[in-house]
Protein backbone atom coordinates (compact mmCIF):
# COMPACT_ATOMS: atom_id res chain seq x y z
CA MET A 1 -0.05 -0.09 -0.08
CA LYS A 2 1.43 3.43 -1.17
CA ILE A 3 1.18 6.40 1.14
CA VAL A 4 1.54 9.82 -0.13
CA SER A 5 4.66 11.04 1.45
CA TYR A 6 5.48 14.43 3.14
CA GLU A 7 7.59 15.50 0.48
CA THR A 8 5.05 14.70 -2.05
CA ARG A 9 2.34 16.72 -0.37
CA VAL A 10 4.88 19.82 0.12
CA ALA A 11 5.62 19.52 -3.82
CA LYS A 12 1.89 19.94 -4.46
CA MET A 13 1.71 23.36 -2.53
CA HIS A 14 2.16 26.36 -4.92
CA LYS A 15 0.18 29.10 -3.16
CA PRO A 16 -1.01 30.06 0.30
CA GLY A 17 -4.01 28.02 1.33
CA ASP A 18 -2.66 24.98 -0.27
CA GLU A 19 -1.00 23.81 2.96
CA ASP A 20 -4.51 23.62 4.55
CA GLN A 21 -5.89 21.75 1.71
CA GLN A 22 -3.00 19.23 1.93
CA LEU A 23 -3.42 19.07 5.64
CA ARG A 24 -7.45 18.19 5.24
CA LEU A 25 -6.59 15.61 2.65
CA ALA A 26 -3.94 13.97 4.87
CA LYS A 27 -6.48 13.84 7.80
CA ASN A 28 -9.12 12.49 5.44
CA TYR A 29 -6.91 9.96 4.37
CA VAL A 30 -6.01 8.72 7.95
CA LYS A 31 -9.68 8.46 8.60
CA ALA A 32 -10.39 6.43 5.59
CA LEU A 33 -7.62 3.89 6.35
CA ARG A 34 -8.74 3.65 10.06
CA LEU A 35 -12.13 2.88 8.70
CA ARG A 36 -10.67 0.21 6.39
CA PHE A 37 -8.74 -1.21 9.28
CA LYS A 38 -11.99 -1.86 11.34
CA LYS A 39 -13.71 -3.32 8.22
CA ALA A 40 -10.83 -5.67 7.54
CA SER A 41 -11.42 -9.45 8.33
CA ARG A 42 -8.22 -11.02 7.67
CA LEU A 43 -5.15 -10.63 9.78
CA ASP A 44 -2.72 -10.10 6.91
CA GLU A 45 -5.10 -7.16 5.68
CA LYS A 46 -5.08 -5.70 9.09
CA LEU A 47 -1.26 -5.83 9.41
CA GLU A 48 -0.88 -4.19 6.01
CA ILE A 49 -3.66 -1.48 6.61
CA GLY A 50 -2.29 -0.85 10.22
CA GLN A 51 1.28 -0.22 8.78
CA ALA A 52 -0.34 2.25 6.29
CA VAL A 53 -2.12 3.96 9.03
CA LYS A 54 1.04 4.47 10.90
CA GLN A 55 2.77 6.00 8.07
CA ALA A 56 0.02 8.13 7.19
CA GLU A 57 -0.31 9.43 10.60
CA SER A 58 3.39 10.23 10.65
CA VAL A 59 2.76 12.41 7.35
CA LEU A 60 -0.26 14.04 9.14
CA ARG A 61 1.87 14.77 12.39
CA LYS A 62 4.66 16.26 10.27
CA LEU A 63 2.37 18.47 8.29
CA ARG A 64 0.68 19.75 11.54
CA LEU A 65 4.22 20.51 13.11
CA ASN A 66 5.37 22.50 10.03
CA ILE A 67 2.19 24.17 9.07
CA PHE A 68 3.41 27.63 9.90
CA ASP A 69 6.73 27.10 8.03
CA LEU A 70 5.13 25.91 5.09
CA GLU A 71 2.63 28.66 5.01
CA ASP A 72 5.60 31.25 5.37
CA MET A 73 7.32 29.38 2.60
CA LEU A 74 4.28 29.73 0.24
CA VAL A 75 3.96 33.35 1.06
CA GLN A 76 7.48 33.92 0.34
CA ARG A 77 7.09 32.26 -3.17
CA THR A 78 4.43 34.48 -4.15
CA HIS A 79 6.11 37.77 -3.37
């Protein structure tokens, strides 16, 4: 299962406001994976999805920690 990395999400940001959109998308992705994890019936499926949840949560955490720096970077790009 491929997770959208932090670097990929940052690369998709071009103007102020994009950081909020990526944060929202990452949050929704984690929610969707958690739901998939709950609905999974097989152990191997749960293990794979569980790893994906951990990776996606890590990306989300990094986005949240760096949100102000990302916003400043995008404001700098537009000026």
